[in-house]
Amino acid sequence: MITSITQRFNQIDKAITGWMNEYGISILRVSLGIIFLWFGFLKFFPGSSPAEQLATKTISFLTCGIIKPAVSIYLLATMETLIGLGLIFRIFLRTTLLILFFQMLGTVTPLFLFPGETFTLFPVSPTLEGQYIIKNIVLVSAGIVIGSTVRKKEERISKERISK
């Protein structure tokens, strides 16, 4: 009886992990895309994004004031929206991921430029804005995992051409 239960468990486990293997990366890519699309789209409506003020302040600082907050928020909104669409529809994936990583570098800079606004006690107790930034570690990790699949489709197509 225990053997049959173990065998049944293994069958179910194999089916579930097989499904995860088949669809997990696609689900990760689309869900990451939804996050970028949603957060990016919010930035098109002034006052709708909780990160708006810190983001525009950071961009202004990094560009020595050349890009003003009124412009930078729309540039950031456009960038994040394009990242979201690129991930969801798997278009220009390499470029999309490059922009994602570039955007994430900018996102993390307030932790170092404005620690008074991102931490209540540096470096152990982040503010809500600091937590908002720190969670991006997961987004970067997701981007890395998605990036690891970019060549797989190309390699499959190449193998199909060779076999014909």
N, C-alpha and C. Protein backbone atom coordinates (compact mmCIF):
# COMPACT_ATOMS: atom_id res chain seq x y z
N MET A 1 0.83 -1.20 0.00
CA MET A 1 0.00 0.00 0.00
C MET A 1 0.87 1.26 0.00
N ILE A 2 1.91 1.27 0.85
CA ILE A 2 2.79 2.44 0.90
C ILE A 2 3.49 2.63 -0.45
N THR A 3 3.84 1.53 -1.08
CA THR A 3 4.50 1.61 -2.38
C THR A 3 3.59 2.25 -3.42
N SER A 4 2.30 1.87 -3.42
CA SER A 4 1.36 2.45 -4.39
C SER A 4 1.12 3.93 -4.11
N ILE A 5 1.08 4.32 -2.85
CA ILE A 5 0.93 5.73 -2.49
C ILE A 5 2.16 6.51 -2.94
N THR A 6 3.33 5.95 -2.71
CA THR A 6 4.58 6.59 -3.13
C THR A 6 4.62 6.72 -4.65
N GLN A 7 4.22 5.68 -5.35
CA GLN A 7 4.21 5.72 -6.82
C GLN A 7 3.23 6.79 -7.33
N ARG A 8 2.06 6.83 -6.72
CA ARG A 8 1.05 7.83 -7.12
C ARG A 8 1.56 9.23 -6.84
N PHE A 9 2.17 9.43 -5.67
CA PHE A 9 2.74 10.74 -5.34
C PHE A 9 3.79 11.13 -6.38
N ASN A 10 4.66 10.18 -6.73
CA ASN A 10 5.70 10.46 -7.72
C ASN A 10 5.11 10.81 -9.09
N GLN A 11 4.02 10.14 -9.48
CA GLN A 11 3.36 10.47 -10.75
C GLN A 11 2.81 11.90 -10.72
N ILE A 12 2.15 12.23 -9.65
CA ILE A 12 1.58 13.58 -9.51
C ILE A 12 2.70 14.62 -9.48
N ASP A 13 3.73 14.31 -8.70
CA ASP A 13 4.87 15.23 -8.59
C ASP A 13 5.54 15.44 -9.94
N LYS A 14 5.71 14.36 -10.68
CA LYS A 14 6.32 14.44 -12.01
C LYS A 14 5.46 15.28 -12.96
N ALA A 15 4.16 15.10 -12.90
CA ALA A 15 3.25 15.88 -13.76
C ALA A 15 3.31 17.37 -13.40
N ILE A 16 3.29 17.67 -12.12
CA ILE A 16 3.31 19.08 -11.68
C ILE A 16 4.64 19.74 -12.04
N THR A 17 5.74 19.07 -11.72
CA THR A 17 7.05 19.67 -12.03
C THR A 17 7.29 19.74 -13.53
N GLY A 18 6.73 18.81 -14.28
CA GLY A 18 6.82 18.88 -15.74
C GLY A 18 6.08 20.09 -16.28
N TRP A 19 4.89 20.33 -15.72
CA TRP A 19 4.11 21.52 -16.11
C TRP A 19 4.88 22.79 -15.76
N MET A 20 5.47 22.82 -14.56
CA MET A 20 6.26 23.99 -14.15
C MET A 20 7.43 24.22 -15.11
N ASN A 21 8.09 23.13 -15.49
CA ASN A 21 9.22 23.22 -16.41
C ASN A 21 8.78 23.77 -17.77
N GLU A 22 7.62 23.31 -18.22
CA GLU A 22 7.11 23.71 -19.53
C GLU A 22 6.65 25.17 -19.56
N TYR A 23 5.98 25.63 -18.51
CA TYR A 23 5.33 26.94 -18.54
C TYR A 23 5.90 27.98 -17.57
N GLY A 24 6.75 27.58 -16.65
CA GLY A 24 7.22 28.48 -15.60
C GLY A 24 7.90 29.75 -16.10
N ILE A 25 8.82 29.60 -17.06
CA ILE A 25 9.55 30.78 -17.56
C ILE A 25 8.59 31.72 -18.28
N SER A 26 7.67 31.18 -19.05
CA SER A 26 6.70 32.04 -19.75
C SER A 26 5.82 32.79 -18.75
N ILE A 27 5.39 32.10 -17.72
CA ILE A 27 4.57 32.76 -16.69
C ILE A 27 5.39 33.84 -15.99
N LEU A 28 6.64 33.55 -15.69
CA LEU A 28 7.52 34.54 -15.06
C LEU A 28 7.69 35.75 -15.97
N ARG A 29 7.93 35.52 -17.26
CA ARG A 29 8.13 36.62 -18.21
C ARG A 29 6.88 37.49 -18.31
N VAL A 30 5.72 36.88 -18.44
CA VAL A 30 4.48 37.64 -18.57
C VAL A 30 4.16 38.38 -17.27
N SER A 31 4.35 37.73 -16.14
CA SER A 31 4.04 38.40 -14.86
C SER A 31 4.99 39.57 -14.61
N LEU A 32 6.27 39.42 -14.96
CA LEU A 32 7.21 40.54 -14.85
C LEU A 32 6.80 41.66 -15.81
N GLY A 33 6.36 41.27 -16.99
CA GLY A 33 5.88 42.26 -17.95
C GLY A 33 4.67 43.02 -17.43
N ILE A 34 3.77 42.33 -16.79
CA ILE A 34 2.58 42.99 -16.22
C ILE A 34 2.99 44.00 -15.17
N ILE A 35 3.95 43.64 -14.31
CA ILE A 35 4.42 44.57 -13.27
C ILE A 35 4.99 45.84 -13.91
N PHE A 36 5.86 45.67 -14.92
CA PHE A 36 6.45 46.85 -15.56
C PHE A 36 5.40 47.66 -16.31
N LEU A 37 4.49 47.00 -17.01
CA LEU A 37 3.46 47.71 -17.74
C LEU A 37 2.57 48.50 -16.77
N TRP A 38 2.19 47.87 -15.70
CA TRP A 38 1.30 48.50 -14.72
C TRP A 38 1.99 49.69 -14.06
N PHE A 39 3.19 49.47 -13.53
CA PHE A 39 3.90 50.56 -12.85
C PHE A 39 4.28 51.67 -13.82
N GLY A 40 4.65 51.30 -15.04
CA GLY A 40 4.98 52.30 -16.05
C GLY A 40 3.77 53.11 -16.44
N PHE A 41 2.65 52.45 -16.67
CA PHE A 41 1.43 53.13 -17.08
C PHE A 41 0.97 54.13 -16.01
N LEU A 42 1.11 53.74 -14.73
CA LEU A 42 0.73 54.65 -13.64
C LEU A 42 1.49 55.98 -13.71
N LYS A 43 2.73 55.91 -14.14
CA LYS A 43 3.57 57.12 -14.17
C LYS A 43 3.11 58.13 -15.22
N PHE A 44 2.26 57.73 -16.15
CA PHE A 44 1.72 58.67 -17.13
C PHE A 44 0.67 59.59 -16.50
N PHE A 45 0.24 59.26 -15.30
CA PHE A 45 -0.77 60.04 -14.61
C PHE A 45 -0.16 60.62 -13.34
N PRO A 46 0.26 61.88 -13.38
CA PRO A 46 0.96 62.50 -12.25
C PRO A 46 0.23 62.28 -10.92
N GLY A 47 1.01 61.89 -9.93
CA GLY A 47 0.49 61.65 -8.59
C GLY A 47 -0.01 60.24 -8.37
N SER A 48 -0.02 59.40 -9.42
CA SER A 48 -0.56 58.04 -9.28
C SER A 48 0.47 57.02 -8.81
N SER A 49 1.75 57.32 -9.02
CA SER A 49 2.80 56.37 -8.65
C SER A 49 3.44 56.78 -7.34
N PRO A 50 3.53 55.85 -6.39
CA PRO A 50 4.17 56.19 -5.12
C PRO A 50 5.67 56.47 -5.27
N ALA A 51 6.26 56.03 -6.37
CA ALA A 51 7.70 56.22 -6.59
C ALA A 51 8.01 57.49 -7.38
N GLU A 52 7.00 58.21 -7.80
CA GLU A 52 7.19 59.34 -8.72
C GLU A 52 8.18 60.38 -8.22
N GLN A 53 8.00 60.87 -7.02
CA GLN A 53 8.85 61.95 -6.52
C GLN A 53 10.31 61.52 -6.39
N LEU A 54 10.55 60.37 -5.81
CA LEU A 54 11.91 59.88 -5.65
C LEU A 54 12.55 59.57 -7.00
N ALA A 55 11.76 59.02 -7.92
CA ALA A 55 12.28 58.69 -9.26
C ALA A 55 12.69 59.95 -10.01
N THR A 56 11.85 60.97 -10.00
CA THR A 56 12.17 62.20 -10.73
C THR A 56 13.34 62.94 -10.08
N LYS A 57 13.40 62.89 -8.76
CA LYS A 57 14.53 63.52 -8.05
C LYS A 57 15.84 62.82 -8.42
N THR A 58 15.81 61.50 -8.50
CA THR A 58 17.00 60.72 -8.84
C THR A 58 17.44 61.03 -10.27
N ILE A 59 16.51 61.03 -11.21
CA ILE A 59 16.86 61.30 -12.60
C ILE A 59 17.42 62.70 -12.75
N SER A 60 16.83 63.64 -12.08
CA SER A 60 17.33 65.02 -12.12
C SER A 60 18.76 65.08 -11.58
N PHE A 61 19.01 64.39 -10.49
CA PHE A 61 20.36 64.37 -9.89
C PHE A 61 21.36 63.70 -10.84
N LEU A 62 20.99 62.54 -11.38
CA LEU A 62 21.90 61.79 -12.24
C LEU A 62 22.21 62.51 -13.55
N THR A 63 21.29 63.36 -14.01
CA THR A 63 21.51 64.11 -15.25
C THR A 63 21.94 65.55 -14.98
N CYS A 64 22.34 65.82 -13.74
CA CYS A 64 22.77 67.17 -13.34
C CYS A 64 21.73 68.22 -13.67
N GLY A 65 20.47 67.86 -13.54
CA GLY A 65 19.37 68.80 -13.76
C GLY A 65 18.99 69.01 -15.21
N ILE A 66 19.66 68.34 -16.12
CA ILE A 66 19.36 68.51 -17.55
C ILE A 66 17.95 68.00 -17.87
N ILE A 67 17.60 66.84 -17.31
CA ILE A 67 16.25 66.30 -17.52
C ILE A 67 15.39 66.69 -16.32
N LYS A 68 14.43 67.53 -16.56
CA LYS A 68 13.55 68.04 -15.50
C LYS A 68 12.52 66.99 -15.10
N PRO A 69 12.04 67.06 -13.84
CA PRO A 69 11.06 66.08 -13.36
C PRO A 69 9.82 65.95 -14.25
N ALA A 70 9.34 67.05 -14.79
CA ALA A 70 8.14 67.00 -15.64
C ALA A 70 8.36 66.16 -16.89
N VAL A 71 9.60 66.10 -17.35
CA VAL A 71 9.93 65.30 -18.53
C VAL A 71 10.35 63.89 -18.12
N SER A 72 11.14 63.80 -17.06
CA SER A 72 11.70 62.50 -16.67
C SER A 72 10.64 61.49 -16.31
N ILE A 73 9.54 61.93 -15.73
CA ILE A 73 8.51 60.97 -15.34
C ILE A 73 7.89 60.31 -16.57
N TYR A 74 7.76 61.09 -17.65
CA TYR A 74 7.21 60.51 -18.88
C TYR A 74 8.22 59.63 -19.60
N LEU A 75 9.50 59.97 -19.51
CA LEU A 75 10.53 59.10 -20.07
C LEU A 75 10.56 57.77 -19.33
N LEU A 76 10.49 57.84 -18.00
CA LEU A 76 10.48 56.63 -17.18
C LEU A 76 9.22 55.81 -17.45
N ALA A 77 8.08 56.49 -17.55
CA ALA A 77 6.82 55.80 -17.84
C ALA A 77 6.90 55.07 -19.17
N THR A 78 7.45 55.73 -20.17
CA THR A 78 7.59 55.13 -21.49
C THR A 78 8.53 53.93 -21.44
N MET A 79 9.66 54.08 -20.77
CA MET A 79 10.63 53.01 -20.66
C MET A 79 10.01 51.79 -19.97
N GLU A 80 9.37 51.99 -18.86
CA GLU A 80 8.78 50.87 -18.12
C GLU A 80 7.64 50.22 -18.90
N THR A 81 6.85 51.03 -19.58
CA THR A 81 5.75 50.49 -20.38
C THR A 81 6.29 49.65 -21.53
N LEU A 82 7.33 50.13 -22.19
CA LEU A 82 7.94 49.35 -23.28
C LEU A 82 8.57 48.06 -22.77
N ILE A 83 9.19 48.12 -21.60
CA ILE A 83 9.73 46.90 -20.99
C ILE A 83 8.59 45.90 -20.76
N GLY A 84 7.51 46.39 -20.21
CA GLY A 84 6.36 45.52 -19.95
C GLY A 84 5.81 44.88 -21.21
N LEU A 85 5.62 45.69 -22.25
CA LEU A 85 5.10 45.16 -23.51
C LEU A 85 6.08 44.18 -24.16
N GLY A 86 7.37 44.51 -24.10
CA GLY A 86 8.39 43.62 -24.66
C GLY A 86 8.40 42.27 -23.98
N LEU A 87 8.24 42.27 -22.66
CA LEU A 87 8.22 41.01 -21.92
C LEU A 87 6.93 40.22 -22.18
N ILE A 88 5.82 40.90 -22.14
CA ILE A 88 4.53 40.21 -22.32
C ILE A 88 4.45 39.56 -23.70
N PHE A 89 4.84 40.31 -24.73
CA PHE A 89 4.70 39.82 -26.10
C PHE A 89 5.98 39.20 -26.67
N ARG A 90 7.02 39.13 -25.83
CA ARG A 90 8.30 38.53 -26.20
C ARG A 90 8.86 39.12 -27.48
N ILE A 91 8.84 40.45 -27.56
CA ILE A 91 9.38 41.14 -28.72
C ILE A 91 10.65 41.89 -28.32
N PHE A 92 11.65 41.81 -29.20
CA PHE A 92 12.93 42.46 -28.94
C PHE A 92 13.41 42.14 -27.52
N LEU A 93 13.37 40.86 -27.18
CA LEU A 93 13.61 40.44 -25.80
C LEU A 93 15.00 40.84 -25.29
N ARG A 94 16.02 40.71 -26.12
CA ARG A 94 17.37 41.12 -25.69
C ARG A 94 17.39 42.62 -25.35
N THR A 95 16.83 43.42 -26.25
CA THR A 95 16.79 44.87 -26.03
C THR A 95 15.93 45.20 -24.82
N THR A 96 14.80 44.52 -24.71
CA THR A 96 13.91 44.74 -23.56
C THR A 96 14.65 44.47 -22.25
N LEU A 97 15.38 43.36 -22.19
CA LEU A 97 16.10 43.02 -20.96
C LEU A 97 17.25 43.98 -20.71
N LEU A 98 17.91 44.44 -21.76
CA LEU A 98 18.96 45.44 -21.59
C LEU A 98 18.39 46.72 -20.99
N ILE A 99 17.26 47.16 -21.50
CA ILE A 99 16.61 48.36 -20.95
C ILE A 99 16.17 48.11 -19.51
N LEU A 100 15.66 46.91 -19.24
CA LEU A 100 15.25 46.55 -17.87
C LEU A 100 16.42 46.68 -16.91
N PHE A 101 17.57 46.11 -17.28
CA PHE A 101 18.73 46.16 -16.38
C PHE A 101 19.25 47.59 -16.23
N PHE A 102 19.23 48.36 -17.30
CA PHE A 102 19.63 49.77 -17.24
C PHE A 102 18.69 50.53 -16.30
N GLN A 103 17.40 50.30 -16.44
CA GLN A 103 16.40 50.96 -15.60
C GLN A 103 16.57 50.55 -14.14
N MET A 104 16.88 49.28 -13.90
CA MET A 104 17.06 48.81 -12.53
C MET A 104 18.29 49.45 -11.87
N LEU A 105 19.34 49.71 -12.67
CA LEU A 105 20.50 50.42 -12.11
C LEU A 105 20.08 51.79 -11.60
N GLY A 106 19.27 52.46 -12.40
CA GLY A 106 18.77 53.77 -11.97
C GLY A 106 17.86 53.67 -10.76
N THR A 107 17.11 52.61 -10.71
CA THR A 107 16.16 52.43 -9.61
C THR A 107 16.86 52.27 -8.26
N VAL A 108 18.01 51.59 -8.26
CA VAL A 108 18.71 51.31 -7.01
C VAL A 108 19.51 52.51 -6.49
N THR A 109 19.81 53.46 -7.35
CA THR A 109 20.67 54.58 -6.93
C THR A 109 20.14 55.41 -5.77
N PRO A 110 18.83 55.59 -5.60
CA PRO A 110 18.39 56.37 -4.44
C PRO A 110 18.82 55.80 -3.09
N LEU A 111 19.06 54.49 -3.04
CA LEU A 111 19.54 53.89 -1.79
C LEU A 111 20.86 54.51 -1.36
N PHE A 112 21.66 54.90 -2.36
CA PHE A 112 22.98 55.46 -2.09
C PHE A 112 22.99 56.98 -2.14
N LEU A 113 22.18 57.55 -3.03
CA LEU A 113 22.14 59.01 -3.18
C LEU A 113 21.31 59.69 -2.09
N PHE A 114 20.24 59.04 -1.69
CA PHE A 114 19.32 59.63 -0.73
C PHE A 114 18.99 58.67 0.41
N PRO A 115 20.01 58.25 1.16
CA PRO A 115 19.76 57.28 2.23
C PRO A 115 18.80 57.81 3.30
N GLY A 116 18.75 59.12 3.46
CA GLY A 116 17.83 59.70 4.43
C GLY A 116 16.37 59.50 4.06
N GLU A 117 16.12 59.33 2.77
CA GLU A 117 14.75 59.11 2.30
C GLU A 117 14.42 57.64 2.11
N THR A 118 15.45 56.80 2.05
CA THR A 118 15.21 55.38 1.79
C THR A 118 15.45 54.49 3.01
N PHE A 119 15.99 55.08 4.07
CA PHE A 119 16.22 54.32 5.30
C PHE A 119 15.85 55.17 6.51
N THR A 120 15.26 54.53 7.52
CA THR A 120 15.08 55.21 8.80
C THR A 120 16.33 55.02 9.65
N LEU A 121 17.01 53.89 9.42
CA LEU A 121 18.29 53.61 10.06
C LEU A 121 19.16 52.90 9.02
N PHE A 122 20.11 53.63 8.46
CA PHE A 122 20.95 53.09 7.40
C PHE A 122 21.92 52.08 7.96
N PRO A 123 22.14 50.97 7.37
CA PRO A 123 21.52 50.36 6.20
C PRO A 123 20.55 49.24 6.55
N VAL A 124 19.97 49.24 7.73
CA VAL A 124 19.19 48.07 8.17
C VAL A 124 17.68 48.27 8.17
N SER A 125 17.22 49.49 8.21
CA SER A 125 15.78 49.71 8.35
C SER A 125 15.26 50.62 7.24
N PRO A 126 14.85 50.01 6.12
CA PRO A 126 14.40 50.83 4.99
C PRO A 126 13.02 51.44 5.23
N THR A 127 12.83 52.61 4.64
CA THR A 127 11.51 53.23 4.62
C THR A 127 10.65 52.45 3.63
N LEU A 128 9.40 52.86 3.48
CA LEU A 128 8.54 52.21 2.49
C LEU A 128 9.14 52.37 1.09
N GLU A 129 9.70 53.55 0.79
CA GLU A 129 10.35 53.78 -0.51
C GLU A 129 11.56 52.87 -0.65
N GLY A 130 12.33 52.71 0.43
CA GLY A 130 13.49 51.82 0.40
C GLY A 130 13.09 50.38 0.15
N GLN A 131 12.02 49.95 0.80
CA GLN A 131 11.52 48.58 0.59
C GLN A 131 11.07 48.40 -0.86
N TYR A 132 10.44 49.42 -1.40
CA TYR A 132 9.96 49.42 -2.78
C TYR A 132 11.13 49.21 -3.73
N ILE A 133 12.28 49.82 -3.41
CA ILE A 133 13.49 49.68 -4.23
C ILE A 133 14.14 48.32 -4.02
N ILE A 134 14.28 47.91 -2.78
CA ILE A 134 14.97 46.66 -2.44
C ILE A 134 14.28 45.45 -3.05
N LYS A 135 12.96 45.48 -3.15
CA LYS A 135 12.25 44.35 -3.74
C LYS A 135 12.62 44.15 -5.20
N ASN A 136 13.24 45.15 -5.81
CA ASN A 136 13.65 45.03 -7.21
C ASN A 136 14.74 43.97 -7.42
N ILE A 137 15.35 43.52 -6.34
CA ILE A 137 16.31 42.42 -6.45
C ILE A 137 15.62 41.22 -7.10
N VAL A 138 14.38 40.99 -6.73
CA VAL A 138 13.62 39.87 -7.29
C VAL A 138 13.34 40.12 -8.77
N LEU A 139 13.04 41.37 -9.14
CA LEU A 139 12.77 41.69 -10.54
C LEU A 139 14.01 41.49 -11.40
N VAL A 140 15.16 41.89 -10.87
CA VAL A 140 16.42 41.69 -11.59
C VAL A 140 16.69 40.19 -11.75
N SER A 141 16.49 39.44 -10.69
CA SER A 141 16.68 37.99 -10.75
C SER A 141 15.76 37.35 -11.78
N ALA A 142 14.52 37.79 -11.83
CA ALA A 142 13.58 37.28 -12.83
C ALA A 142 14.08 37.62 -14.23
N GLY A 143 14.59 38.82 -14.42
CA GLY A 143 15.14 39.21 -15.72
C GLY A 143 16.31 38.33 -16.12
N ILE A 144 17.14 37.98 -15.18
CA ILE A 144 18.29 37.10 -15.45
C ILE A 144 17.79 35.72 -15.89
N VAL A 145 16.81 35.19 -15.19
CA VAL A 145 16.26 33.87 -15.55
C VAL A 145 15.65 33.93 -16.95
N ILE A 146 14.89 34.96 -17.24
CA ILE A 146 14.28 35.12 -18.56
C ILE A 146 15.37 35.27 -19.62
N GLY A 147 16.39 36.04 -19.31
CA GLY A 147 17.50 36.22 -20.24
C GLY A 147 18.20 34.92 -20.58
N SER A 148 18.19 33.99 -19.64
CA SER A 148 18.86 32.70 -19.89
C SER A 148 18.16 31.89 -20.96
N THR A 149 16.95 32.28 -21.35
CA THR A 149 16.19 31.52 -22.34
C THR A 149 16.25 32.14 -23.73
N VAL A 150 16.84 33.30 -23.88
CA VAL A 150 16.82 34.02 -25.16
C VAL A 150 17.42 33.19 -26.29
N ARG A 151 18.50 32.51 -26.03
CA ARG A 151 19.17 31.73 -27.08
C ARG A 151 18.48 30.40 -27.37
N LYS A 152 17.69 29.89 -26.45
CA LYS A 152 17.07 28.58 -26.64
C LYS A 152 16.19 28.53 -27.88
N LYS A 153 15.37 29.56 -28.09
CA LYS A 153 14.50 29.60 -29.26
C LYS A 153 15.34 29.66 -30.53
N GLU A 154 16.39 30.50 -30.51
CA GLU A 154 17.26 30.61 -31.68
C GLU A 154 17.95 29.28 -31.98
N GLU A 155 18.42 28.60 -30.94
CA GLU A 155 19.10 27.32 -31.12
C GLU A 155 18.14 26.26 -31.67
N ARG A 156 16.89 26.28 -31.21
CA ARG A 156 15.89 25.34 -31.70
C ARG A 156 15.61 25.59 -33.18
N ILE A 157 15.46 26.85 -33.56
CA ILE A 157 15.22 27.20 -34.97
C ILE A 157 16.40 26.79 -35.82
N SER A 158 17.61 27.03 -35.32
CA SER A 158 18.82 26.67 -36.05
C SER A 158 18.89 25.15 -36.27
N LYS A 159 18.58 24.38 -35.25
CA LYS A 159 18.59 22.91 -35.36
C LYS A 159 17.54 22.44 -36.37
N GLU A 160 16.38 23.10 -36.38
CA GLU A 160 15.31 22.74 -37.32
C GLU A 160 15.76 23.01 -38.75
N ARG A 161 16.46 24.12 -38.98
CA ARG A 161 16.95 24.45 -40.32
C ARG A 161 18.00 23.44 -40.78
N ILE A 162 18.88 23.05 -39.87
CA ILE A 162 19.93 22.09 -40.21
C ILE A 162 19.34 20.73 -40.57
N SER A 163 18.31 20.32 -39.84
CA SER A 163 17.72 19.00 -40.07
C SER A 163 16.89 18.93 -41.35
N LYS A 164 16.54 20.07 -41.92
CA LYS A 164 15.74 20.07 -43.16
C LYS A 164 16.58 19.85 -44.32
